[in-house]
Amino acid sequence: MTRDEFKTIIAAIKSNYRNFGIETKEQFDFWYEMLGDIEYRVMQIAIGKLVSELKFAPTIADIREQVAAIKTPQENRITAADAWGEVEQAIRKYGYYQQTEALDSMSPITRRTVDCIGFRQICLCEEPGVVRGQFLRMFDQAANKEKQNALLPENLKKQIDAIAARQNLKLVEGGSK
């Protein structure tokens, strides 16, 4: 989104919330830094939805959360229970020996969670209730991590990744001495 498009967004928010306080260039720059990576049309939809729902001015977090909800395809909005249903259906349809086909039939987040446990281990488990409970917890953790990651601006993700990469390099260098 361009700075001019963002000015239009800010004007729309100000027209709905008289106490919305972006008054200085520094405040505008900060908000643009945190929200400028969002497509203009997606931002318009998110703001439209927020102003029809919120009585008080939205925060950056409110806006990013709404944008993430808009951009997440409906098929990826599954609950942990739905994901476990995918696993059970894959086991019934493909069984133990067709692991690749079974994993390919699952949504990406379900597949990643199953990979953590192991598809064969799930199939062979003698205590399905225990594995189900572990899966549900792991799925919720993965979904929360994915949601938190979706809320971050792209430039902030890159900065975090760069810091993490430098930290890992330091650990590797420190471990070789």
N, C-alpha and C. Protein backbone atom coordinates (compact mmCIF):
# COMPACT_ATOMS: atom_id res chain seq x y z
N MET A 1 0.86 -1.15 0.00
CA MET A 1 0.00 0.00 0.00
C MET A 1 0.91 1.23 0.00
N THR A 2 0.53 2.21 -0.78
CA THR A 2 1.32 3.43 -0.84
C THR A 2 1.01 4.33 0.35
N ARG A 3 1.86 5.31 0.56
CA ARG A 3 1.62 6.26 1.66
C ARG A 3 0.33 7.05 1.43
N ASP A 4 0.04 7.41 0.18
CA ASP A 4 -1.19 8.15 -0.12
C ASP A 4 -2.42 7.28 0.15
N GLU A 5 -2.35 6.01 -0.20
CA GLU A 5 -3.47 5.10 0.10
C GLU A 5 -3.63 4.96 1.61
N PHE A 6 -2.51 4.92 2.31
CA PHE A 6 -2.58 4.80 3.77
C PHE A 6 -3.20 6.06 4.38
N LYS A 7 -2.90 7.23 3.81
CA LYS A 7 -3.53 8.47 4.29
C LYS A 7 -5.05 8.38 4.17
N THR A 8 -5.53 7.77 3.10
CA THR A 8 -6.97 7.58 2.92
C THR A 8 -7.54 6.68 4.00
N ILE A 9 -6.80 5.64 4.34
CA ILE A 9 -7.23 4.71 5.41
C ILE A 9 -7.31 5.46 6.74
N ILE A 10 -6.28 6.23 7.04
CA ILE A 10 -6.25 6.99 8.30
C ILE A 10 -7.42 7.98 8.34
N ALA A 11 -7.69 8.63 7.22
CA ALA A 11 -8.81 9.57 7.16
C ALA A 11 -10.13 8.84 7.43
N ALA A 12 -10.27 7.63 6.90
CA ALA A 12 -11.49 6.85 7.14
C ALA A 12 -11.63 6.50 8.62
N ILE A 13 -10.54 6.12 9.23
CA ILE A 13 -10.58 5.78 10.66
C ILE A 13 -10.93 7.03 11.47
N LYS A 14 -10.28 8.16 11.15
CA LYS A 14 -10.55 9.41 11.88
C LYS A 14 -11.99 9.86 11.71
N SER A 15 -12.59 9.59 10.56
CA SER A 15 -13.98 10.01 10.34
C SER A 15 -14.94 9.22 11.22
N ASN A 16 -14.52 8.03 11.66
CA ASN A 16 -15.38 7.19 12.50
C ASN A 16 -15.08 7.32 13.99
N TYR A 17 -13.84 7.68 14.30
CA TYR A 17 -13.41 7.77 15.69
C TYR A 17 -12.74 9.13 15.91
N ARG A 18 -13.47 10.02 16.52
CA ARG A 18 -12.97 11.39 16.73
C ARG A 18 -11.71 11.42 17.61
N ASN A 19 -11.57 10.44 18.49
CA ASN A 19 -10.43 10.43 19.41
C ASN A 19 -9.23 9.67 18.83
N PHE A 20 -9.30 9.27 17.57
CA PHE A 20 -8.19 8.54 16.95
C PHE A 20 -7.01 9.48 16.82
N GLY A 21 -5.89 9.13 17.45
CA GLY A 21 -4.81 10.08 17.61
C GLY A 21 -3.55 9.85 16.81
N ILE A 22 -3.62 9.94 15.51
CA ILE A 22 -2.40 10.00 14.72
C ILE A 22 -2.30 11.45 14.27
N GLU A 23 -1.48 12.20 14.99
CA GLU A 23 -1.39 13.64 14.74
C GLU A 23 -0.04 14.05 14.17
N THR A 24 1.03 13.35 14.53
CA THR A 24 2.36 13.77 14.12
C THR A 24 2.87 12.91 12.97
N LYS A 25 3.87 13.39 12.28
CA LYS A 25 4.51 12.64 11.21
C LYS A 25 5.13 11.36 11.76
N GLU A 26 5.72 11.44 12.96
CA GLU A 26 6.33 10.27 13.57
C GLU A 26 5.30 9.18 13.84
N GLN A 27 4.13 9.58 14.33
CA GLN A 27 3.06 8.61 14.57
C GLN A 27 2.60 7.99 13.26
N PHE A 28 2.41 8.83 12.24
CA PHE A 28 2.00 8.33 10.94
C PHE A 28 3.04 7.35 10.40
N ASP A 29 4.31 7.73 10.47
CA ASP A 29 5.39 6.87 9.97
C ASP A 29 5.40 5.52 10.68
N PHE A 30 5.20 5.54 12.01
CA PHE A 30 5.20 4.29 12.76
C PHE A 30 4.03 3.41 12.33
N TRP A 31 2.85 3.98 12.24
CA TRP A 31 1.68 3.21 11.82
C TRP A 31 1.88 2.67 10.40
N TYR A 32 2.45 3.48 9.53
CA TYR A 32 2.69 3.02 8.15
C TYR A 32 3.72 1.90 8.14
N GLU A 33 4.74 2.01 8.96
CA GLU A 33 5.74 0.95 9.05
C GLU A 33 5.11 -0.37 9.49
N MET A 34 4.16 -0.30 10.40
CA MET A 34 3.52 -1.50 10.95
C MET A 34 2.40 -2.05 10.06
N LEU A 35 1.85 -1.20 9.19
CA LEU A 35 0.69 -1.63 8.39
C LEU A 35 0.89 -1.48 6.89
N GLY A 36 1.97 -0.86 6.45
CA GLY A 36 2.17 -0.56 5.04
C GLY A 36 2.33 -1.76 4.14
N ASP A 37 2.63 -2.92 4.69
CA ASP A 37 2.81 -4.13 3.87
C ASP A 37 1.47 -4.75 3.45
N ILE A 38 0.37 -4.25 3.97
CA ILE A 38 -0.95 -4.81 3.68
C ILE A 38 -1.47 -4.22 2.37
N GLU A 39 -2.06 -5.07 1.54
CA GLU A 39 -2.66 -4.60 0.29
C GLU A 39 -3.78 -3.60 0.61
N TYR A 40 -3.87 -2.58 -0.22
CA TYR A 40 -4.84 -1.51 0.02
C TYR A 40 -6.27 -2.04 0.09
N ARG A 41 -6.67 -2.87 -0.84
CA ARG A 41 -8.06 -3.37 -0.85
C ARG A 41 -8.35 -4.22 0.38
N VAL A 42 -7.40 -5.04 0.78
CA VAL A 42 -7.58 -5.86 1.99
C VAL A 42 -7.71 -4.94 3.21
N MET A 43 -6.90 -3.88 3.24
CA MET A 43 -6.97 -2.92 4.35
C MET A 43 -8.34 -2.23 4.37
N GLN A 44 -8.85 -1.85 3.22
CA GLN A 44 -10.17 -1.22 3.17
C GLN A 44 -11.24 -2.14 3.76
N ILE A 45 -11.18 -3.40 3.38
CA ILE A 45 -12.17 -4.36 3.88
C ILE A 45 -12.03 -4.53 5.39
N ALA A 46 -10.78 -4.67 5.85
CA ALA A 46 -10.54 -4.85 7.29
C ALA A 46 -11.05 -3.64 8.08
N ILE A 47 -10.75 -2.44 7.61
CA ILE A 47 -11.19 -1.22 8.30
C ILE A 47 -12.71 -1.13 8.27
N GLY A 48 -13.31 -1.44 7.14
CA GLY A 48 -14.77 -1.43 7.04
C GLY A 48 -15.40 -2.37 8.06
N LYS A 49 -14.82 -3.54 8.19
CA LYS A 49 -15.34 -4.52 9.16
C LYS A 49 -15.13 -4.03 10.59
N LEU A 50 -13.96 -3.48 10.86
CA LEU A 50 -13.66 -3.01 12.21
C LEU A 50 -14.54 -1.84 12.63
N VAL A 51 -14.75 -0.87 11.74
CA VAL A 51 -15.56 0.28 12.13
C VAL A 51 -17.02 -0.10 12.32
N SER A 52 -17.44 -1.20 11.71
CA SER A 52 -18.82 -1.64 11.94
C SER A 52 -18.96 -2.49 13.20
N GLU A 53 -17.82 -2.93 13.77
CA GLU A 53 -17.86 -3.78 14.96
C GLU A 53 -17.38 -3.09 16.24
N LEU A 54 -16.38 -2.21 16.13
CA LEU A 54 -15.75 -1.63 17.31
C LEU A 54 -16.32 -0.25 17.66
N LYS A 55 -16.54 -0.05 18.94
CA LYS A 55 -17.00 1.26 19.40
C LYS A 55 -15.84 2.22 19.62
N PHE A 56 -14.65 1.67 19.81
CA PHE A 56 -13.46 2.49 20.02
C PHE A 56 -12.48 2.24 18.89
N ALA A 57 -11.61 3.20 18.66
CA ALA A 57 -10.67 3.14 17.54
C ALA A 57 -9.83 1.86 17.59
N PRO A 58 -9.61 1.26 16.41
CA PRO A 58 -8.80 0.04 16.38
C PRO A 58 -7.33 0.34 16.61
N THR A 59 -6.65 -0.64 17.15
CA THR A 59 -5.20 -0.56 17.32
C THR A 59 -4.54 -1.24 16.12
N ILE A 60 -3.24 -1.13 16.05
CA ILE A 60 -2.49 -1.83 15.00
C ILE A 60 -2.78 -3.33 15.11
N ALA A 61 -2.78 -3.84 16.32
CA ALA A 61 -3.04 -5.27 16.53
C ALA A 61 -4.44 -5.66 16.05
N ASP A 62 -5.44 -4.82 16.34
CA ASP A 62 -6.80 -5.09 15.86
C ASP A 62 -6.83 -5.19 14.34
N ILE A 63 -6.17 -4.25 13.70
CA ILE A 63 -6.17 -4.21 12.23
C ILE A 63 -5.46 -5.42 11.66
N ARG A 64 -4.28 -5.74 12.18
CA ARG A 64 -3.52 -6.89 11.65
C ARG A 64 -4.29 -8.19 11.89
N GLU A 65 -4.96 -8.30 13.02
CA GLU A 65 -5.75 -9.50 13.30
C GLU A 65 -6.90 -9.64 12.31
N GLN A 66 -7.56 -8.53 12.02
CA GLN A 66 -8.66 -8.55 11.05
C GLN A 66 -8.15 -8.90 9.65
N VAL A 67 -7.01 -8.34 9.27
CA VAL A 67 -6.41 -8.64 7.97
C VAL A 67 -6.06 -10.13 7.89
N ALA A 68 -5.46 -10.66 8.93
CA ALA A 68 -5.11 -12.09 8.94
C ALA A 68 -6.36 -12.95 8.79
N ALA A 69 -7.44 -12.57 9.45
CA ALA A 69 -8.69 -13.33 9.34
C ALA A 69 -9.23 -13.28 7.92
N ILE A 70 -9.13 -12.12 7.28
CA ILE A 70 -9.62 -11.97 5.91
C ILE A 70 -8.78 -12.78 4.94
N LYS A 71 -7.47 -12.78 5.14
CA LYS A 71 -6.56 -13.44 4.20
C LYS A 71 -6.43 -14.94 4.40
N THR A 72 -6.91 -15.46 5.53
CA THR A 72 -6.82 -16.91 5.77
C THR A 72 -7.95 -17.59 5.02
N PRO A 73 -7.62 -18.46 4.07
CA PRO A 73 -8.67 -19.15 3.32
C PRO A 73 -9.57 -19.96 4.25
N GLN A 74 -10.82 -20.06 3.89
CA GLN A 74 -11.80 -20.76 4.72
C GLN A 74 -11.37 -22.19 5.02
N GLU A 75 -10.76 -22.87 4.02
CA GLU A 75 -10.36 -24.26 4.25
C GLU A 75 -9.23 -24.40 5.26
N ASN A 76 -8.51 -23.31 5.52
CA ASN A 76 -7.42 -23.36 6.50
C ASN A 76 -7.89 -22.98 7.90
N ARG A 77 -9.15 -22.61 8.04
CA ARG A 77 -9.69 -22.24 9.35
C ARG A 77 -10.33 -23.46 9.98
N ILE A 78 -9.48 -24.36 10.45
CA ILE A 78 -10.02 -25.57 11.04
C ILE A 78 -9.67 -25.62 12.52
N THR A 79 -10.51 -26.29 13.25
CA THR A 79 -10.25 -26.46 14.69
C THR A 79 -9.39 -27.70 14.88
N ALA A 80 -8.89 -27.85 16.08
CA ALA A 80 -8.09 -29.03 16.41
C ALA A 80 -8.94 -30.30 16.24
N ALA A 81 -10.19 -30.23 16.62
CA ALA A 81 -11.08 -31.39 16.48
C ALA A 81 -11.29 -31.74 15.01
N ASP A 82 -11.46 -30.72 14.16
CA ASP A 82 -11.59 -30.97 12.72
C ASP A 82 -10.32 -31.61 12.18
N ALA A 83 -9.18 -31.13 12.64
CA ALA A 83 -7.89 -31.67 12.19
C ALA A 83 -7.76 -33.14 12.58
N TRP A 84 -8.17 -33.48 13.81
CA TRP A 84 -8.11 -34.88 14.22
C TRP A 84 -9.05 -35.71 13.35
N GLY A 85 -10.17 -35.13 12.97
CA GLY A 85 -11.08 -35.81 12.04
C GLY A 85 -10.41 -36.11 10.71
N GLU A 86 -9.58 -35.16 10.23
CA GLU A 86 -8.82 -35.39 9.00
C GLU A 86 -7.88 -36.58 9.17
N VAL A 87 -7.23 -36.66 10.33
CA VAL A 87 -6.29 -37.75 10.60
C VAL A 87 -7.04 -39.08 10.60
N GLU A 88 -8.15 -39.14 11.31
CA GLU A 88 -8.92 -40.39 11.38
C GLU A 88 -9.42 -40.81 9.99
N GLN A 89 -9.88 -39.82 9.21
CA GLN A 89 -10.36 -40.12 7.86
C GLN A 89 -9.22 -40.65 6.99
N ALA A 90 -8.04 -40.04 7.10
CA ALA A 90 -6.89 -40.50 6.32
C ALA A 90 -6.49 -41.92 6.72
N ILE A 91 -6.55 -42.22 8.00
CA ILE A 91 -6.20 -43.57 8.46
C ILE A 91 -7.20 -44.59 7.89
N ARG A 92 -8.49 -44.25 7.95
CA ARG A 92 -9.51 -45.16 7.43
C ARG A 92 -9.37 -45.36 5.91
N LYS A 93 -9.09 -44.27 5.21
CA LYS A 93 -9.05 -44.34 3.75
C LYS A 93 -7.74 -44.94 3.22
N TYR A 94 -6.61 -44.58 3.84
CA TYR A 94 -5.32 -44.97 3.28
C TYR A 94 -4.58 -46.01 4.13
N GLY A 95 -4.91 -46.08 5.39
CA GLY A 95 -4.25 -47.05 6.24
C GLY A 95 -2.78 -46.77 6.47
N TYR A 96 -2.17 -47.71 7.11
CA TYR A 96 -0.77 -47.62 7.54
C TYR A 96 0.21 -47.58 6.37
N TYR A 97 -0.10 -48.28 5.28
CA TYR A 97 0.87 -48.47 4.20
C TYR A 97 0.89 -47.35 3.16
N GLN A 98 -0.11 -46.51 3.13
CA GLN A 98 -0.15 -45.42 2.14
C GLN A 98 0.05 -44.08 2.84
N GLN A 99 1.16 -43.96 3.52
CA GLN A 99 1.44 -42.77 4.32
C GLN A 99 1.48 -41.50 3.47
N THR A 100 2.14 -41.54 2.33
CA THR A 100 2.26 -40.35 1.49
C THR A 100 0.89 -39.85 1.07
N GLU A 101 0.04 -40.74 0.60
CA GLU A 101 -1.31 -40.36 0.18
C GLU A 101 -2.12 -39.82 1.36
N ALA A 102 -1.96 -40.46 2.51
CA ALA A 102 -2.69 -40.02 3.70
C ALA A 102 -2.27 -38.60 4.08
N LEU A 103 -0.97 -38.35 4.11
CA LEU A 103 -0.48 -37.01 4.48
C LEU A 103 -0.90 -35.97 3.45
N ASP A 104 -0.89 -36.36 2.17
CA ASP A 104 -1.29 -35.42 1.12
C ASP A 104 -2.76 -35.05 1.21
N SER A 105 -3.56 -35.86 1.86
CA SER A 105 -5.00 -35.59 1.98
C SER A 105 -5.32 -34.59 3.09
N MET A 106 -4.32 -34.23 3.89
CA MET A 106 -4.55 -33.37 5.06
C MET A 106 -4.23 -31.91 4.75
N SER A 107 -4.83 -31.03 5.52
CA SER A 107 -4.50 -29.61 5.42
C SER A 107 -3.05 -29.43 5.88
N PRO A 108 -2.40 -28.35 5.45
CA PRO A 108 -0.97 -28.18 5.79
C PRO A 108 -0.67 -28.21 7.28
N ILE A 109 -1.46 -27.54 8.08
CA ILE A 109 -1.17 -27.49 9.52
C ILE A 109 -1.42 -28.84 10.18
N THR A 110 -2.43 -29.58 9.69
CA THR A 110 -2.69 -30.92 10.21
C THR A 110 -1.52 -31.83 9.87
N ARG A 111 -1.05 -31.72 8.64
CA ARG A 111 0.08 -32.55 8.20
C ARG A 111 1.32 -32.28 9.04
N ARG A 112 1.61 -31.00 9.29
CA ARG A 112 2.79 -30.66 10.09
C ARG A 112 2.67 -31.23 11.50
N THR A 113 1.49 -31.20 12.05
CA THR A 113 1.28 -31.74 13.40
C THR A 113 1.44 -33.25 13.39
N VAL A 114 0.88 -33.91 12.38
CA VAL A 114 1.03 -35.36 12.26
C VAL A 114 2.50 -35.71 12.08
N ASP A 115 3.23 -34.94 11.28
CA ASP A 115 4.66 -35.20 11.08
C ASP A 115 5.43 -35.15 12.39
N CYS A 116 5.02 -34.27 13.30
CA CYS A 116 5.70 -34.17 14.60
C CYS A 116 5.54 -35.46 15.41
N ILE A 117 4.37 -36.05 15.34
CA ILE A 117 4.12 -37.28 16.10
C ILE A 117 4.59 -38.49 15.31
N GLY A 118 4.31 -38.48 14.03
CA GLY A 118 4.62 -39.62 13.17
C GLY A 118 3.34 -40.33 12.78
N PHE A 119 3.08 -40.40 11.48
CA PHE A 119 1.84 -41.02 11.00
C PHE A 119 1.75 -42.49 11.41
N ARG A 120 2.84 -43.21 11.24
CA ARG A 120 2.83 -44.64 11.60
C ARG A 120 2.60 -44.83 13.09
N GLN A 121 3.20 -43.94 13.91
CA GLN A 121 3.01 -44.05 15.36
C GLN A 121 1.54 -43.82 15.72
N ILE A 122 0.90 -42.90 15.02
CA ILE A 122 -0.53 -42.66 15.27
C ILE A 122 -1.33 -43.89 14.90
N CYS A 123 -1.02 -44.46 13.73
CA CYS A 123 -1.75 -45.65 13.26
C CYS A 123 -1.59 -46.84 14.20
N LEU A 124 -0.39 -47.01 14.74
CA LEU A 124 -0.09 -48.19 15.54
C LEU A 124 -0.35 -48.02 17.04
N CYS A 125 -0.74 -46.84 17.43
CA CYS A 125 -0.90 -46.55 18.85
C CYS A 125 -2.01 -47.41 19.47
N GLU A 126 -1.71 -47.95 20.63
CA GLU A 126 -2.68 -48.76 21.35
C GLU A 126 -3.56 -47.92 22.27
N GLU A 127 -3.19 -46.66 22.46
CA GLU A 127 -3.96 -45.74 23.31
C GLU A 127 -4.38 -44.54 22.46
N PRO A 128 -5.39 -44.68 21.59
CA PRO A 128 -5.76 -43.57 20.70
C PRO A 128 -6.19 -42.30 21.45
N GLY A 129 -6.76 -42.46 22.61
CA GLY A 129 -7.17 -41.29 23.39
C GLY A 129 -5.98 -40.44 23.82
N VAL A 130 -4.88 -41.09 24.16
CA VAL A 130 -3.67 -40.39 24.57
C VAL A 130 -3.08 -39.64 23.39
N VAL A 131 -2.98 -40.32 22.24
CA VAL A 131 -2.42 -39.68 21.04
C VAL A 131 -3.32 -38.54 20.59
N ARG A 132 -4.63 -38.76 20.68
CA ARG A 132 -5.57 -37.69 20.30
C ARG A 132 -5.33 -36.45 21.16
N GLY A 133 -5.20 -36.63 22.46
CA GLY A 133 -4.96 -35.50 23.36
C GLY A 133 -3.65 -34.79 23.04
N GLN A 134 -2.60 -35.57 22.76
CA GLN A 134 -1.32 -34.96 22.40
C GLN A 134 -1.44 -34.19 21.08
N PHE A 135 -2.13 -34.80 20.13
CA PHE A 135 -2.33 -34.15 18.84
C PHE A 135 -3.08 -32.83 19.00
N LEU A 136 -4.17 -32.85 19.76
CA LEU A 136 -4.97 -31.64 19.93
C LEU A 136 -4.14 -30.51 20.54
N ARG A 137 -3.34 -30.82 21.56
CA ARG A 137 -2.49 -29.79 22.17
C ARG A 137 -1.45 -29.28 21.18
N MET A 138 -0.81 -30.20 20.48
CA MET A 138 0.21 -29.80 19.51
C MET A 138 -0.39 -28.97 18.37
N PHE A 139 -1.58 -29.35 17.91
CA PHE A 139 -2.25 -28.62 16.85
C PHE A 139 -2.57 -27.19 17.31
N ASP A 140 -3.11 -27.06 18.51
CA ASP A 140 -3.42 -25.73 19.03
C ASP A 140 -2.17 -24.86 19.13
N GLN A 141 -1.06 -25.45 19.56
CA GLN A 141 0.19 -24.69 19.64
C GLN A 141 0.65 -24.26 18.26
N ALA A 142 0.58 -25.16 17.29
CA ALA A 142 0.98 -24.83 15.92
C ALA A 142 0.07 -23.76 15.32
N ALA A 143 -1.23 -23.88 15.57
CA ALA A 143 -2.19 -22.90 15.05
C ALA A 143 -1.95 -21.52 15.67
N ASN A 144 -1.68 -21.49 16.97
CA ASN A 144 -1.39 -20.21 17.63
C ASN A 144 -0.12 -19.59 17.10
N LYS A 145 0.90 -20.41 16.89
CA LYS A 145 2.17 -19.90 16.34
C LYS A 145 1.96 -19.34 14.94
N GLU A 146 1.20 -20.07 14.14
CA GLU A 146 0.91 -19.62 12.77
C GLU A 146 0.11 -18.32 12.78
N LYS A 147 -0.85 -18.22 13.68
CA LYS A 147 -1.66 -17.01 13.78
C LYS A 147 -0.80 -15.83 14.21
N GLN A 148 0.06 -16.03 15.21
CA GLN A 148 0.94 -14.95 15.67
C GLN A 148 1.88 -14.51 14.56
N ASN A 149 2.39 -15.47 13.80
CA ASN A 149 3.28 -15.15 12.69
C ASN A 149 2.56 -14.36 11.60
N ALA A 150 1.30 -14.69 11.37
CA ALA A 150 0.51 -13.99 10.35
C ALA A 150 0.24 -12.54 10.73
N LEU A 151 0.27 -12.24 12.01
CA LEU A 151 -0.02 -10.88 12.48
C LEU A 151 1.17 -9.93 12.31
N LEU A 152 2.36 -10.47 12.16
CA LEU A 152 3.55 -9.62 12.08
C LEU A 152 3.72 -9.02 10.70
N PRO A 153 4.14 -7.76 10.63
CA PRO A 153 4.48 -7.17 9.34
C PRO A 153 5.68 -7.89 8.72
N GLU A 154 5.73 -7.94 7.40
CA GLU A 154 6.81 -8.66 6.71
C GLU A 154 8.19 -8.13 7.10
N ASN A 155 8.33 -6.80 7.18
CA ASN A 155 9.65 -6.25 7.51
C ASN A 155 10.07 -6.64 8.93
N LEU A 156 9.13 -6.75 9.84
CA LEU A 156 9.44 -7.17 11.21
C LEU A 156 9.83 -8.65 11.25
N LYS A 157 9.15 -9.48 10.45
CA LYS A 157 9.52 -10.90 10.36
C LYS A 157 10.96 -11.04 9.88
N LYS A 158 11.32 -10.26 8.86
CA LYS A 158 12.68 -10.33 8.32
C LYS A 158 13.71 -9.91 9.37
N GLN A 159 13.39 -8.87 10.13
CA GLN A 159 14.31 -8.41 11.18
C GLN A 159 14.47 -9.48 12.26
N ILE A 160 13.37 -10.10 12.65
CA ILE A 160 13.41 -11.15 13.66
C ILE A 160 14.22 -12.34 13.15
N ASP A 161 13.98 -12.72 11.89
CA ASP A 161 14.74 -13.83 11.30
C ASP A 161 16.23 -13.52 11.25
N ALA A 162 16.57 -12.28 10.92
CA ALA A 162 17.99 -11.89 10.85
C ALA A 162 18.64 -11.98 12.23
N ILE A 163 17.94 -11.53 13.25
CA ILE A 163 18.47 -11.61 14.62
C ILE A 163 18.63 -13.07 15.03
N ALA A 164 17.62 -13.89 14.73
CA ALA A 164 17.69 -15.31 15.07
C ALA A 164 18.84 -15.99 14.34
N ALA A 165 19.05 -15.64 13.07
CA ALA A 165 20.14 -16.24 12.30
C ALA A 165 21.49 -15.85 12.89
N ARG A 166 21.64 -14.60 13.29
CA ARG A 166 22.89 -14.16 13.92
C ARG A 166 23.09 -14.89 15.24
N GLN A 167 22.03 -15.07 16.00
CA GLN A 167 22.11 -15.77 17.28
C GLN A 167 22.53 -17.22 17.07
N ASN A 168 21.93 -17.87 16.07
CA ASN A 168 22.30 -19.25 15.78
C ASN A 168 23.75 -19.35 15.33
N LEU A 169 24.21 -18.37 14.56
CA LEU A 169 25.61 -18.35 14.13
C LEU A 169 26.53 -18.23 15.34
N LYS A 170 26.16 -17.37 16.28
CA LYS A 170 26.96 -17.21 17.50
C LYS A 170 27.01 -18.52 18.28
N LEU A 171 25.87 -19.23 18.33
CA LEU A 171 25.84 -20.51 19.06
C LEU A 171 26.75 -21.53 18.38
N VAL A 172 26.71 -21.56 17.05
CA VAL A 172 27.54 -22.50 16.32
C VAL A 172 29.02 -22.15 16.52
N GLU A 173 29.34 -20.87 16.40
CA GLU A 173 30.72 -20.44 16.58
C GLU A 173 31.19 -20.73 18.00
N GLY A 174 30.33 -20.44 18.97
CA GLY A 174 30.69 -20.67 20.38
C GLY A 174 30.86 -22.14 20.68
N GLY A 175 30.08 -22.99 20.01
CA GLY A 175 30.16 -24.42 20.26
C GLY A 175 31.40 -25.06 19.65
N SER A 176 32.01 -24.40 18.66
CA SER A 176 33.18 -25.00 18.00
C SER A 176 34.49 -24.65 18.68
N LYS A 177 34.45 -23.77 19.65
CA LYS A 177 35.70 -23.36 20.33
C LYS A 177 36.08 -24.34 21.39
